[in-house]
Amino acid sequence: MAEKGLRLSGTLLGPVSVAILESKEGYLVVPAGSPIPGTEAVVRQVEEGSVTLALKEETLNLSLVQAGGGQ
């Protein structure tokens, strides 16, 4: 997923929670349980400020990065 340059931009919790991901191509809004377009990865779980992605037997947790952090 590194080649896609995915970064968690936000989460929306509800009956169908969604992850808002930023990629090199723009923003993606992906519901929990759905595949990320252009990849084989699936958004497994969406929580406040983080998501868990699954690719076959591997999982990856992405956390929300706070805006305004120094570089």
Foldseek 3Di string as FASTA:
>chain_A
DVVQVWAFAFWDDDPWIWTWIQGPVGIDTATAQAADPPDQKGFPDDDGQWTWIDDPPDIDIHGHDDPPDDD
